[in-house]
Amino acid sequence: MISSFKQKLLGLTLLFLCVFQVSYAAHIVGGELTYKCLGDENYRFTLTVYRDCASGGAQFDSFGNTLGTVSIYNGTNLLRNIFLDPPTVEVVPPVISNPCLEVPQNLCVERGVYIFEESLPMSVESYTITYSRCCRNASISNIILPEDTGATYTIDITSTAQESCNSSPIFSKFPEIIICANEPLNFDHSAIDAE
């Protein structure tokens, strides 16, 4: 479970870092993947993806002609691909913690939530669930060829997690989508684990 938690923490950190570019980003700005063990080898997965909705960039997968796909691996072997239904979409309202800050008019972040269930038989190998999406835009300066670079969200269900019907931790808070330059930033990255 530690590796899954670290992957989720990395995903949220990437979301947090990328969201600063929200006024320039054309596509995906972050996301996370979690699971809940339902018992009897059944799992409910929640894929949350964030996108800049002010730039006119790409829509979420499974809207229009772009079909979203999640891949499930058992060890290093591809078990199957899951085709996602359209997500539930909502605008993420900006939370202002600095009274001197005004929200720019071109700031808009949407959250798309995909939920799907899968049966995964007990295995000595870990299951790895993965989702990939392209792309960033040319305004990002710390990624080589950002227009050709996307994001991948993964989570592992280890054999120990399978045996104990363990669920993944869930982050407690969502980071602010707007902050002031040169101001201190404190954010609680804690997560809740039902077990």
C-alpha atoms as a PDB file:
ATOM      1  CA  MET A   1       0.000   0.000   0.000  1.00  0.00           C
ATOM      2  CA  ILE A   2       2.923   2.353   0.500  1.00  0.00           C
ATOM      3  CA  SER A   3       3.702   2.339  -3.214  1.00  0.00           C
ATOM      4  CA  SER A   4       0.062   3.115  -4.066  1.00  0.00           C
ATOM      5  CA  PHE A   5       0.024   5.960  -1.574  1.00  0.00           C
ATOM      6  CA  LYS A   6       3.265   7.350  -2.995  1.00  0.00           C
ATOM      7  CA  GLN A   7       1.833   7.162  -6.507  1.00  0.00           C
ATOM      8  CA  LYS A   8      -1.276   9.025  -5.389  1.00  0.00           C
ATOM      9  CA  LEU A   9       0.831  11.620  -3.606  1.00  0.00           C
ATOM     10  CA  LEU A  10       2.901  12.084  -6.745  1.00  0.00           C
ATOM     11  CA  GLY A  11      -0.275  12.443  -8.820  1.00  0.00           C
ATOM     12  CA  LEU A  12      -1.698  15.090  -6.510  1.00  0.00           C
ATOM     13  CA  THR A  13       1.640  16.893  -6.401  1.00  0.00           C
ATOM     14  CA  LEU A  14       1.725  16.946 -10.209  1.00  0.00           C
ATOM     15  CA  LEU A  15      -1.818  18.274 -10.210  1.00  0.00           C
ATOM     16  CA  PHE A  16      -0.837  20.912  -7.701  1.00  0.00           C
ATOM     17  CA  LEU A  17       2.224  21.974  -9.695  1.00  0.00           C
ATOM     18  CA  CYS A  18       0.487  21.922 -13.055  1.00  0.00           C
ATOM     19  CA  VAL A  19      -2.536  23.879 -11.894  1.00  0.00           C
ATOM     20  CA  PHE A  20      -0.359  27.014 -11.581  1.00  0.00           C
ATOM     21  CA  GLN A  21      -0.268  27.017 -15.379  1.00  0.00           C
ATOM     22  CA  VAL A  22      -4.054  26.808 -15.579  1.00  0.00           C
ATOM     23  CA  SER A  23      -4.497  30.081 -17.445  1.00  0.00           C
ATOM     24  CA  TYR A  24      -2.231  28.769 -20.215  1.00  0.00           C
ATOM     25  CA  ALA A  25      -2.850  25.016 -20.222  1.00  0.00           C
ATOM     26  CA  ALA A  26      -4.851  23.602 -23.085  1.00  0.00           C
ATOM     27  CA  HIS A  27      -5.615  20.181 -21.705  1.00  0.00           C
ATOM     28  CA  ILE A  28      -5.222  18.010 -18.634  1.00  0.00           C
ATOM     29  CA  VAL A  29      -3.827  19.608 -15.466  1.00  0.00           C
ATOM     30  CA  GLY A  30      -3.847  16.610 -13.110  1.00  0.00           C
ATOM     31  CA  GLY A  31      -5.702  13.662 -11.668  1.00  0.00           C
ATOM     32  CA  GLU A  32      -5.755  10.650  -9.388  1.00  0.00           C
ATOM     33  CA  LEU A  33      -6.887   7.032  -9.354  1.00  0.00           C
ATOM     34  CA  THR A  34      -8.273   5.253  -6.268  1.00  0.00           C
ATOM     35  CA  TYR A  35     -10.036   1.975  -5.512  1.00  0.00           C
ATOM     36  CA  LYS A  36     -12.387   0.522  -2.909  1.00  0.00           C
ATOM     37  CA  CYS A  37     -12.492  -3.199  -2.187  1.00  0.00           C
ATOM     38  CA  LEU A  38     -16.150  -4.283  -2.246  1.00  0.00           C
ATOM     39  CA  GLY A  39     -15.462  -7.863  -1.140  1.00  0.00           C
ATOM     40  CA  ASP A  40     -15.683 -11.134  -3.079  1.00  0.00           C
ATOM     41  CA  GLU A  41     -12.780  -9.985  -5.327  1.00  0.00           C
ATOM     42  CA  ASN A  42     -14.771  -6.972  -6.581  1.00  0.00           C
ATOM     43  CA  TYR A  43     -13.413  -3.417  -6.721  1.00  0.00           C
ATOM     44  CA  ARG A  44     -14.844   0.024  -7.443  1.00  0.00           C
ATOM     45  CA  PHE A  45     -12.379   2.375  -9.127  1.00  0.00           C
ATOM     46  CA  THR A  46     -12.625   6.155  -9.204  1.00  0.00           C
ATOM     47  CA  LEU A  47     -10.573   8.049 -11.774  1.00  0.00           C
ATOM     48  CA  THR A  48     -10.618  11.812 -11.257  1.00  0.00           C
ATOM     49  CA  VAL A  49      -9.165  13.996 -14.000  1.00  0.00           C
ATOM     50  CA  TYR A  50      -8.796  17.784 -13.949  1.00  0.00           C
ATOM     51  CA  ARG A  51      -8.712  19.960 -17.084  1.00  0.00           C
ATOM     52  CA  ASP A  52      -8.464  23.626 -17.927  1.00  0.00           C
ATOM     53  CA  CYS A  53     -11.907  24.587 -19.231  1.00  0.00           C
ATOM     54  CA  ALA A  54     -11.067  28.220 -20.083  1.00  0.00           C
ATOM     55  CA  SER A  55      -8.586  27.546 -22.881  1.00  0.00           C
ATOM     56  CA  GLY A  56     -10.815  25.673 -25.300  1.00  0.00           C
ATOM     57  CA  GLY A  57      -8.533  22.621 -25.096  1.00  0.00           C
ATOM     58  CA  ALA A  58      -9.498  18.985 -25.407  1.00  0.00           C
ATOM     59  CA  GLN A  59     -12.594  17.653 -23.675  1.00  0.00           C
ATOM     60  CA  PHE A  60     -12.527  14.766 -21.222  1.00  0.00           C
ATOM     61  CA  ASP A  61     -12.176  11.299 -22.723  1.00  0.00           C
ATOM     62  CA  SER A  62     -15.402   9.511 -23.708  1.00  0.00           C
ATOM     63  CA  PHE A  63     -17.035  12.731 -24.904  1.00  0.00           C
ATOM     64  CA  GLY A  64     -17.345  12.856 -28.685  1.00  0.00           C
ATOM     65  CA  ASN A  65     -14.918  10.711 -30.677  1.00  0.00           C
ATOM     66  CA  THR A  66     -12.255  10.205 -27.978  1.00  0.00           C
ATOM     67  CA  LEU A  67     -12.886   6.996 -26.047  1.00  0.00           C
ATOM     68  CA  GLY A  68     -11.214   6.791 -22.633  1.00  0.00           C
ATOM     69  CA  THR A  69      -9.410   3.561 -21.810  1.00  0.00           C
ATOM     70  CA  VAL A  70      -8.097   2.121 -18.559  1.00  0.00           C
ATOM     71  CA  SER A  71      -5.717  -0.838 -18.754  1.00  0.00           C
ATOM     72  CA  ILE A  72      -5.470  -3.562 -16.114  1.00  0.00           C
ATOM     73  CA  TYR A  73      -2.251  -5.543 -15.778  1.00  0.00           C
ATOM     74  CA  ASN A  74      -1.604  -8.641 -13.706  1.00  0.00           C
ATOM     75  CA  GLY A  75       2.109  -8.470 -13.056  1.00  0.00           C
ATOM     76  CA  THR A  76       3.533  -7.403 -16.421  1.00  0.00           C
ATOM     77  CA  ASN A  77       0.766  -9.035 -18.487  1.00  0.00           C
ATOM     78  CA  LEU A  78      -2.087  -6.962 -19.904  1.00  0.00           C
ATOM     79  CA  LEU A  79      -5.260  -8.520 -18.519  1.00  0.00           C
ATOM     80  CA  ARG A  80      -7.808  -6.267 -20.268  1.00  0.00           C
ATOM     81  CA  ASN A  81      -8.741  -2.755 -21.323  1.00  0.00           C
ATOM     82  CA  ILE A  82     -11.805  -1.028 -19.909  1.00  0.00           C
ATOM     83  CA  PHE A  83     -13.635   1.539 -22.043  1.00  0.00           C
ATOM     84  CA  LEU A  84     -14.890   4.398 -19.914  1.00  0.00           C
ATOM     85  CA  ASP A  85     -18.360   5.895 -19.960  1.00  0.00           C
ATOM     86  CA  PRO A  86     -18.475   9.721 -20.055  1.00  0.00           C
ATOM     87  CA  PRO A  87     -17.493  11.227 -16.713  1.00  0.00           C
ATOM     88  CA  THR A  88     -19.572  13.262 -14.312  1.00  0.00           C
ATOM     89  CA  VAL A  89     -18.225  16.785 -14.785  1.00  0.00           C
ATOM     90  CA  GLU A  90     -18.287  19.785 -12.468  1.00  0.00           C
ATOM     91  CA  VAL A  91     -16.452  23.095 -12.278  1.00  0.00           C
ATOM     92  CA  VAL A  92     -14.003  23.349  -9.371  1.00  0.00           C
ATOM     93  CA  PRO A  93     -14.714  26.662  -7.636  1.00  0.00           C
ATOM     94  CA  PRO A  94     -11.649  28.707  -6.704  1.00  0.00           C
ATOM     95  CA  VAL A  95     -11.121  29.008  -2.950  1.00  0.00           C
ATOM     96  CA  ILE A  96      -9.517  32.321  -2.025  1.00  0.00           C
ATOM     97  CA  SER A  97      -7.415  32.266   1.142  1.00  0.00           C
ATOM     98  CA  ASN A  98      -5.779  35.659   0.551  1.00  0.00           C
ATOM     99  CA  PRO A  99      -8.186  38.622   0.902  1.00  0.00           C
ATOM    100  CA  CYS A 100      -6.061  40.686  -1.514  1.00  0.00           C
ATOM    101  CA  LEU A 101      -6.431  38.175  -4.344  1.00  0.00           C
ATOM    102  CA  GLU A 102      -8.877  38.576  -7.200  1.00  0.00           C
ATOM    103  CA  VAL A 103      -9.825  35.586  -9.333  1.00  0.00           C
ATOM    104  CA  PRO A 104      -8.805  36.078 -12.983  1.00  0.00           C
ATOM    105  CA  GLN A 105     -11.761  35.889 -15.371  1.00  0.00           C
ATOM    106  CA  ASN A 106     -10.051  33.266 -17.551  1.00  0.00           C
ATOM    107  CA  LEU A 107      -9.576  30.811 -14.664  1.00  0.00           C
ATOM    108  CA  CYS A 108     -11.593  27.617 -14.995  1.00  0.00           C
ATOM    109  CA  VAL A 109     -10.828  24.081 -13.830  1.00  0.00           C
ATOM    110  CA  GLU A 110     -13.224  21.171 -14.368  1.00  0.00           C
ATOM    111  CA  ARG A 111     -13.208  17.848 -12.534  1.00  0.00           C
ATOM    112  CA  GLY A 112     -14.289  14.762 -14.481  1.00  0.00           C
ATOM    113  CA  VAL A 113     -15.038  11.651 -12.418  1.00  0.00           C
ATOM    114  CA  TYR A 114     -15.157   8.181 -13.972  1.00  0.00           C
ATOM    115  CA  ILE A 115     -16.390   5.297 -11.813  1.00  0.00           C
ATOM    116  CA  PHE A 116     -16.216   1.665 -12.877  1.00  0.00           C
ATOM    117  CA  GLU A 117     -16.251  -1.736 -11.165  1.00  0.00           C
ATOM    118  CA  GLU A 118     -14.156  -4.787 -11.938  1.00  0.00           C
ATOM    119  CA  SER A 119     -13.794  -8.314 -10.610  1.00  0.00           C
ATOM    120  CA  LEU A 120     -10.148  -9.276 -10.071  1.00  0.00           C
ATOM    121  CA  PRO A 121      -9.434 -12.840  -8.895  1.00  0.00           C
ATOM    122  CA  MET A 122      -6.867 -13.308  -6.129  1.00  0.00           C
ATOM    123  CA  SER A 123      -3.353 -13.313  -7.521  1.00  0.00           C
ATOM    124  CA  VAL A 124       0.183 -13.590  -6.180  1.00  0.00           C
ATOM    125  CA  GLU A 125       1.002 -10.797  -8.647  1.00  0.00           C
ATOM    126  CA  SER A 126      -0.020  -7.191  -8.105  1.00  0.00           C
ATOM    127  CA  TYR A 127      -2.698  -5.706 -10.308  1.00  0.00           C
ATOM    128  CA  THR A 128      -1.736  -2.391 -11.878  1.00  0.00           C
ATOM    129  CA  ILE A 129      -4.523  -0.167 -13.134  1.00  0.00           C
ATOM    130  CA  THR A 130      -3.395   2.617 -15.461  1.00  0.00           C
ATOM    131  CA  TYR A 131      -4.879   5.529 -17.404  1.00  0.00           C
ATOM    132  CA  SER A 132      -2.935   7.760 -19.824  1.00  0.00           C
ATOM    133  CA  ARG A 133      -3.945  10.995 -21.471  1.00  0.00           C
ATOM    134  CA  CYS A 134      -2.221  13.451 -23.792  1.00  0.00           C
ATOM    135  CA  CYS A 135      -1.229  16.350 -23.754  1.00  0.00           C
ATOM    136  CA  ARG A 136       0.179  19.577 -22.331  1.00  0.00           C
ATOM    137  CA  ASN A 137       0.766  22.753 -24.321  1.00  0.00           C
ATOM    138  CA  ALA A 138       3.786  24.736 -25.523  1.00  0.00           C
ATOM    139  CA  SER A 139       3.705  27.275 -22.668  1.00  0.00           C
ATOM    140  CA  ILE A 140       5.090  24.744 -20.173  1.00  0.00           C
ATOM    141  CA  SER A 141       8.825  25.334 -19.944  1.00  0.00           C
ATOM    142  CA  ASN A 142       9.953  22.436 -17.738  1.00  0.00           C
ATOM    143  CA  ILE A 143       8.775  19.612 -20.034  1.00  0.00           C
ATOM    144  CA  ILE A 144      10.509  18.718 -23.301  1.00  0.00           C
ATOM    145  CA  LEU A 145       7.971  18.729 -26.158  1.00  0.00           C
ATOM    146  CA  PRO A 146       4.945  19.329 -23.896  1.00  0.00           C
ATOM    147  CA  GLU A 147       2.520  19.072 -26.852  1.00  0.00           C
ATOM    148  CA  ASP A 148       3.638  15.436 -27.175  1.00  0.00           C
ATOM    149  CA  THR A 149       3.763  14.712 -23.431  1.00  0.00           C
ATOM    150  CA  GLY A 150       0.811  13.562 -21.391  1.00  0.00           C
ATOM    151  CA  ALA A 151       0.092  12.169 -17.959  1.00  0.00           C
ATOM    152  CA  THR A 152      -0.325   8.620 -16.665  1.00  0.00           C
ATOM    153  CA  TYR A 153      -2.171   7.734 -13.460  1.00  0.00           C
ATOM    154  CA  THR A 154      -1.608   4.282 -11.961  1.00  0.00           C
ATOM    155  CA  ILE A 155      -2.426   2.392  -8.814  1.00  0.00           C
ATOM    156  CA  ASP A 156      -1.351  -1.070  -7.645  1.00  0.00           C
ATOM    157  CA  ILE A 157      -3.386  -3.653  -5.778  1.00  0.00           C
ATOM    158  CA  THR A 158      -0.754  -5.854  -4.160  1.00  0.00           C
ATOM    159  CA  SER A 159      -1.331  -9.487  -3.214  1.00  0.00           C
ATOM    160  CA  THR A 160      -1.419  -8.406   0.453  1.00  0.00           C
ATOM    161  CA  ALA A 161      -4.083  -5.797  -0.331  1.00  0.00           C
ATOM    162  CA  GLN A 162      -6.087  -8.429  -2.233  1.00  0.00           C
ATOM    163  CA  GLU A 163      -5.929 -10.888   0.679  1.00  0.00           C
ATOM    164  CA  SER A 164      -7.084  -8.327   3.240  1.00  0.00           C
ATOM    165  CA  CYS A 165      -9.624  -6.563   0.960  1.00  0.00           C
ATOM    166  CA  ASN A 166      -7.738  -3.325   1.509  1.00  0.00           C
ATOM    167  CA  SER A 167      -8.846  -0.075  -0.162  1.00  0.00           C
ATOM    168  CA  SER A 168      -6.562   2.728  -1.306  1.00  0.00           C
ATOM    169  CA  PRO A 169      -6.154   5.903   0.750  1.00  0.00           C
ATOM    170  CA  ILE A 170      -7.987   9.025  -0.390  1.00  0.00           C
ATOM    171  CA  PHE A 171      -6.598  12.540  -0.161  1.00  0.00           C
ATOM    172  CA  SER A 172      -8.374  14.712   2.399  1.00  0.00           C
ATOM    173  CA  LYS A 173      -8.246  18.017   0.510  1.00  0.00           C
ATOM    174  CA  PHE A 174      -7.976  19.479  -2.961  1.00  0.00           C
ATOM    175  CA  PRO A 175      -5.234  22.109  -3.474  1.00  0.00           C
ATOM    176  CA  GLU A 176      -6.167  25.702  -4.228  1.00  0.00           C
ATOM    177  CA  ILE A 177      -6.351  26.373  -7.952  1.00  0.00           C
ATOM    178  CA  ILE A 178      -5.027  29.912  -7.536  1.00  0.00           C
ATOM    179  CA  ILE A 179      -2.239  31.245  -5.331  1.00  0.00           C
ATOM    180  CA  CYS A 180      -0.247  34.463  -5.081  1.00  0.00           C
ATOM    181  CA  ALA A 181       3.309  34.617  -6.415  1.00  0.00           C
ATOM    182  CA  ASN A 182       5.977  35.102  -3.739  1.00  0.00           C
ATOM    183  CA  GLU A 183       3.538  34.271  -0.928  1.00  0.00           C
ATOM    184  CA  PRO A 184       4.047  31.370   1.523  1.00  0.00           C
ATOM    185  CA  LEU A 185       2.069  28.279   0.672  1.00  0.00           C
ATOM    186  CA  ASN A 186       0.995  25.680   3.230  1.00  0.00           C
ATOM    187  CA  PHE A 187      -1.057  22.727   2.072  1.00  0.00           C
ATOM    188  CA  ASP A 188      -2.158  19.623   3.979  1.00  0.00           C
ATOM    189  CA  HIS A 189      -1.288  16.598   1.804  1.00  0.00           C
ATOM    190  CA  SER A 190      -2.768  14.094   4.261  1.00  0.00           C
ATOM    191  CA  ALA A 191      -4.896  11.163   3.169  1.00  0.00           C
ATOM    192  CA  ILE A 192      -7.531   8.990   4.840  1.00  0.00           C
ATOM    193  CA  ASP A 193      -7.306   5.211   4.756  1.00  0.00           C
ATOM    194  CA  ALA A 194     -10.518   3.374   5.718  1.00  0.00           C
ATOM    195  CA  GLU A 195      -8.510   0.442   7.078  1.00  0.00           C
END
